Amino acid sequence: MEANVEREPALLEIKANLDFENHKKHYRFITRKNPRIWISWIAALLMALLLYFSYNWELLAIPAALLVYLIILSATAPRRSYRHLPKILAESASVYTFYRDDFQVVRTIQLLTNVQTIRYEFIKLVHETDSAFYLQSIDPNLGMYVLDKKDFTPGQMETLRELFAEKLKK
């Protein structure tokens, strides 16, 4: 292991905290393409349609109740997931430092510091929304990274877009 390796100057650095809003964005992003969620919604809707057109009004309450349950479950899932995070993890801070060939994620949880260096080749997807950038790794062990746009300083978003456009050309 090399100690004190000199690096080129960072292109940009973003400091982020894991609060409920960031967790909710992350949760909704990673579950948006989950086939189990879509199958359960489609099954409940098909069941409701079949019972509606068969004029079996008494049994129509079952899929109606299932749809209400799915709506409540979908709306409350991020909050339930966030509550199950250990308190120290929920209060963690991350620093994303972007270099020419890779980026570094330094997570600090109380007295522990975890450093990950990820080459751009390991990023499968960069998705930008109105409120965040989502970086998805090709390796599930590396996970997903959420960069909330409220953590950016002026000019950083443009620099990051240019960097991703250059490095992630497919």
Foldseek 3Di string as FASTA:
>chain_A
DDPPDDDDDFPDKFKFAQALVQLVVQVCVVCVPPVVLVVQVVVLVVVLVVCVVVVVVVCNVVSVVSVVVSVVCVVCVSVVVLVPDPPQNNGKMWMWTHDLFWIWIWIDRPPDIDIDIGGLVQWDDWDDDPFWIKTQGPDCVVPIDIGTPVRDDPPVVVSVVVSCCVRVDD
